[in-house]
Amino acid sequence: MQLKIVLWNANGFAQHIEGVKNYIQNQQVDFMLISETHFTTRSYFKIPNYAIYDTQNPDGTAHGGTAILIKKCIKHYLHGHHN
């Protein structure tokens, strides 16, 4: 099985959500690793057929942060939770 993995520095993810949805579905991406999401505790989004795991900057401000999108048909689980 060949996997398609994408790494992207978003520099703020919110303004790119629709483009990312289209890209990962058209390109059949299995994993997408995203840096600089700028998520806060108020950030929320869903992408059909993908599980999303994210972190925010510890000070709660909109900078830094990461996210991992994993195609739901790929067996996976969250191993522990680190703050």
N, C-alpha and C. Protein backbone atom coordinates (compact mmCIF):
# COMPACT_ATOMS: atom_id res chain seq x y z
N MET A 1 0.85 -1.18 0.00
CA MET A 1 0.00 0.00 0.00
C MET A 1 0.89 1.24 0.00
N GLN A 2 0.67 2.11 -0.94
CA GLN A 2 1.42 3.35 -1.03
C GLN A 2 0.61 4.46 -0.38
N LEU A 3 1.25 5.28 0.45
CA LEU A 3 0.57 6.37 1.15
C LEU A 3 0.98 7.70 0.55
N LYS A 4 0.03 8.63 0.50
CA LYS A 4 0.33 9.98 0.05
C LYS A 4 0.31 10.88 1.28
N ILE A 5 1.49 11.47 1.59
CA ILE A 5 1.66 12.31 2.77
C ILE A 5 2.04 13.71 2.30
N VAL A 6 1.39 14.72 2.88
CA VAL A 6 1.65 16.11 2.52
C VAL A 6 2.03 16.87 3.78
N LEU A 7 3.06 17.71 3.67
CA LEU A 7 3.48 18.59 4.75
C LEU A 7 3.28 20.03 4.27
N TRP A 8 2.67 20.87 5.14
CA TRP A 8 2.36 22.23 4.71
C TRP A 8 2.49 23.20 5.87
N ASN A 9 3.17 24.31 5.68
CA ASN A 9 3.23 25.39 6.65
C ASN A 9 2.13 26.37 6.27
N ALA A 10 1.04 26.38 7.05
CA ALA A 10 -0.16 27.12 6.69
C ALA A 10 -0.05 28.62 6.93
N ASN A 11 0.72 29.03 7.94
CA ASN A 11 0.76 30.44 8.32
C ASN A 11 -0.65 30.99 8.52
N GLY A 12 -1.46 30.21 9.22
CA GLY A 12 -2.86 30.57 9.46
C GLY A 12 -3.77 29.70 8.62
N PHE A 13 -4.42 28.75 9.24
CA PHE A 13 -5.18 27.74 8.50
C PHE A 13 -6.59 28.19 8.11
N ALA A 14 -7.21 29.03 8.93
CA ALA A 14 -8.63 29.36 8.75
C ALA A 14 -8.96 29.86 7.34
N GLN A 15 -8.12 30.69 6.76
CA GLN A 15 -8.41 31.26 5.45
C GLN A 15 -8.17 30.27 4.31
N HIS A 16 -7.67 29.07 4.61
CA HIS A 16 -7.33 28.08 3.58
C HIS A 16 -8.18 26.81 3.63
N ILE A 17 -9.17 26.75 4.51
CA ILE A 17 -9.91 25.50 4.74
C ILE A 17 -10.53 24.95 3.46
N GLU A 18 -11.23 25.76 2.71
CA GLU A 18 -11.90 25.25 1.50
C GLU A 18 -10.89 24.74 0.47
N GLY A 19 -9.78 25.44 0.32
CA GLY A 19 -8.74 25.00 -0.61
C GLY A 19 -8.12 23.68 -0.17
N VAL A 20 -7.91 23.52 1.13
CA VAL A 20 -7.36 22.27 1.66
C VAL A 20 -8.34 21.12 1.43
N LYS A 21 -9.61 21.36 1.72
CA LYS A 21 -10.62 20.32 1.48
C LYS A 21 -10.57 19.84 0.04
N ASN A 22 -10.57 20.77 -0.89
CA ASN A 22 -10.53 20.40 -2.31
C ASN A 22 -9.24 19.67 -2.66
N TYR A 23 -8.12 20.18 -2.18
CA TYR A 23 -6.82 19.59 -2.51
C TYR A 23 -6.71 18.15 -2.01
N ILE A 24 -6.99 17.92 -0.73
CA ILE A 24 -6.79 16.56 -0.20
C ILE A 24 -7.75 15.55 -0.80
N GLN A 25 -8.95 16.00 -1.16
CA GLN A 25 -9.88 15.07 -1.79
C GLN A 25 -9.51 14.81 -3.25
N ASN A 26 -9.13 15.86 -3.99
CA ASN A 26 -8.74 15.68 -5.40
C ASN A 26 -7.44 14.90 -5.54
N GLN A 27 -6.49 15.12 -4.62
CA GLN A 27 -5.19 14.46 -4.69
C GLN A 27 -5.16 13.13 -3.92
N GLN A 28 -6.26 12.78 -3.27
CA GLN A 28 -6.39 11.55 -2.51
C GLN A 28 -5.27 11.42 -1.47
N VAL A 29 -5.11 12.48 -0.68
CA VAL A 29 -4.09 12.54 0.36
C VAL A 29 -4.50 11.63 1.52
N ASP A 30 -3.56 10.86 2.04
CA ASP A 30 -3.82 9.99 3.18
C ASP A 30 -3.54 10.69 4.51
N PHE A 31 -2.42 11.43 4.57
CA PHE A 31 -2.03 12.16 5.77
C PHE A 31 -1.64 13.58 5.36
N MET A 32 -2.07 14.56 6.13
CA MET A 32 -1.61 15.92 5.92
C MET A 32 -1.11 16.45 7.25
N LEU A 33 0.16 16.87 7.28
CA LEU A 33 0.78 17.42 8.47
C LEU A 33 0.86 18.93 8.27
N ILE A 34 0.27 19.68 9.20
CA ILE A 34 0.16 21.13 9.03
C ILE A 34 0.84 21.83 10.19
N SER A 35 1.73 22.76 9.88
CA SER A 35 2.35 23.58 10.92
C SER A 35 1.82 25.01 10.81
N GLU A 36 2.02 25.78 11.87
CA GLU A 36 1.58 27.19 11.93
C GLU A 36 0.08 27.33 11.62
N THR A 37 -0.74 26.54 12.31
CA THR A 37 -2.19 26.61 12.09
C THR A 37 -2.81 27.88 12.65
N HIS A 38 -2.21 28.41 13.70
CA HIS A 38 -2.74 29.58 14.42
C HIS A 38 -4.09 29.29 15.06
N PHE A 39 -4.35 28.04 15.42
CA PHE A 39 -5.60 27.66 16.09
C PHE A 39 -5.63 28.17 17.53
N THR A 40 -6.83 28.44 18.00
CA THR A 40 -7.08 28.72 19.41
C THR A 40 -8.14 27.73 19.88
N THR A 41 -8.54 27.83 21.13
CA THR A 41 -9.59 26.94 21.64
C THR A 41 -10.92 27.19 20.94
N ARG A 42 -11.06 28.30 20.27
CA ARG A 42 -12.30 28.62 19.54
C ARG A 42 -12.26 28.12 18.08
N SER A 43 -11.14 27.57 17.64
CA SER A 43 -11.02 27.09 16.26
C SER A 43 -11.69 25.72 16.12
N TYR A 44 -12.47 25.58 15.05
CA TYR A 44 -13.15 24.31 14.81
C TYR A 44 -13.42 24.17 13.32
N PHE A 45 -13.16 23.00 12.78
CA PHE A 45 -13.52 22.70 11.40
C PHE A 45 -13.60 21.19 11.23
N LYS A 46 -14.30 20.77 10.21
CA LYS A 46 -14.41 19.36 9.86
C LYS A 46 -14.13 19.21 8.38
N ILE A 47 -13.51 18.10 8.04
CA ILE A 47 -13.31 17.74 6.64
C ILE A 47 -13.86 16.33 6.47
N PRO A 48 -14.83 16.15 5.60
CA PRO A 48 -15.44 14.83 5.43
C PRO A 48 -14.40 13.74 5.16
N ASN A 49 -14.56 12.61 5.84
CA ASN A 49 -13.73 11.43 5.68
C ASN A 49 -12.32 11.56 6.26
N TYR A 50 -12.07 12.59 7.07
CA TYR A 50 -10.76 12.78 7.70
C TYR A 50 -10.92 12.99 9.19
N ALA A 51 -10.04 12.36 9.97
CA ALA A 51 -9.92 12.64 11.40
C ALA A 51 -8.91 13.77 11.54
N ILE A 52 -9.15 14.66 12.50
CA ILE A 52 -8.29 15.81 12.68
C ILE A 52 -7.81 15.85 14.12
N TYR A 53 -6.49 15.96 14.29
CA TYR A 53 -5.88 16.09 15.61
C TYR A 53 -5.07 17.38 15.58
N ASP A 54 -5.24 18.23 16.59
CA ASP A 54 -4.53 19.50 16.55
C ASP A 54 -4.02 19.92 17.92
N THR A 55 -3.08 20.84 17.90
CA THR A 55 -2.56 21.46 19.12
C THR A 55 -2.59 22.97 18.92
N GLN A 56 -2.70 23.68 20.03
CA GLN A 56 -2.65 25.13 19.99
C GLN A 56 -1.42 25.60 20.74
N ASN A 57 -1.09 26.86 20.58
CA ASN A 57 0.00 27.45 21.34
C ASN A 57 -0.39 27.44 22.81
N PRO A 58 0.51 27.08 23.71
CA PRO A 58 0.17 27.00 25.14
C PRO A 58 -0.36 28.30 25.75
N ASP A 59 0.00 29.45 25.19
CA ASP A 59 -0.50 30.70 25.77
C ASP A 59 -1.89 31.08 25.27
N GLY A 60 -2.49 30.25 24.39
CA GLY A 60 -3.86 30.47 23.94
C GLY A 60 -4.02 31.50 22.84
N THR A 61 -2.94 32.07 22.37
CA THR A 61 -3.04 33.06 21.30
C THR A 61 -2.95 32.40 19.94
N ALA A 62 -3.36 33.12 18.91
CA ALA A 62 -3.44 32.58 17.55
C ALA A 62 -2.09 32.66 16.85
N HIS A 63 -1.14 31.85 17.29
CA HIS A 63 0.11 31.67 16.56
C HIS A 63 0.65 30.29 16.89
N GLY A 64 1.57 29.80 16.03
CA GLY A 64 2.07 28.45 16.22
C GLY A 64 0.97 27.43 15.96
N GLY A 65 1.09 26.28 16.56
CA GLY A 65 0.07 25.23 16.45
C GLY A 65 0.32 24.28 15.30
N THR A 66 -0.19 23.06 15.47
CA THR A 66 -0.05 22.03 14.45
C THR A 66 -1.37 21.27 14.29
N ALA A 67 -1.49 20.56 13.19
CA ALA A 67 -2.64 19.69 12.98
C ALA A 67 -2.21 18.52 12.10
N ILE A 68 -2.87 17.40 12.31
CA ILE A 68 -2.66 16.22 11.48
C ILE A 68 -4.03 15.77 10.98
N LEU A 69 -4.16 15.62 9.68
CA LEU A 69 -5.38 15.10 9.08
C LEU A 69 -5.07 13.68 8.61
N ILE A 70 -5.93 12.74 8.99
CA ILE A 70 -5.72 11.33 8.62
C ILE A 70 -7.01 10.81 8.00
N LYS A 71 -6.88 10.21 6.84
CA LYS A 71 -8.05 9.63 6.18
C LYS A 71 -8.66 8.58 7.11
N LYS A 72 -9.96 8.67 7.34
CA LYS A 72 -10.63 7.81 8.32
C LYS A 72 -10.56 6.32 7.97
N CYS A 73 -10.38 5.97 6.72
CA CYS A 73 -10.31 4.55 6.37
C CYS A 73 -8.99 3.92 6.78
N ILE A 74 -8.02 4.72 7.23
CA ILE A 74 -6.74 4.21 7.71
C ILE A 74 -6.85 3.98 9.21
N LYS A 75 -6.63 2.74 9.63
CA LYS A 75 -6.72 2.43 11.05
C LYS A 75 -5.66 3.21 11.81
N HIS A 76 -6.09 3.90 12.85
CA HIS A 76 -5.17 4.66 13.69
C HIS A 76 -5.83 4.91 15.04
N TYR A 77 -5.03 5.31 16.01
CA TYR A 77 -5.57 5.67 17.30
C TYR A 77 -4.66 6.71 17.93
N LEU A 78 -5.22 7.47 18.84
CA LEU A 78 -4.46 8.48 19.57
C LEU A 78 -3.77 7.80 20.74
N HIS A 79 -2.45 7.87 20.78
CA HIS A 79 -1.66 7.24 21.82
C HIS A 79 -1.25 8.29 22.84
N GLY A 80 -1.99 8.36 23.94
CA GLY A 80 -1.69 9.35 24.96
C GLY A 80 -2.06 10.75 24.53
N HIS A 81 -2.01 11.66 25.46
CA HIS A 81 -2.31 13.06 25.18
C HIS A 81 -1.31 13.91 25.92
N HIS A 82 -0.61 14.74 25.19
CA HIS A 82 0.44 15.58 25.78
C HIS A 82 0.03 17.03 25.71
N ASN A 83 0.18 17.73 26.80
CA ASN A 83 -0.15 19.17 26.82
C ASN A 83 1.08 20.00 26.67
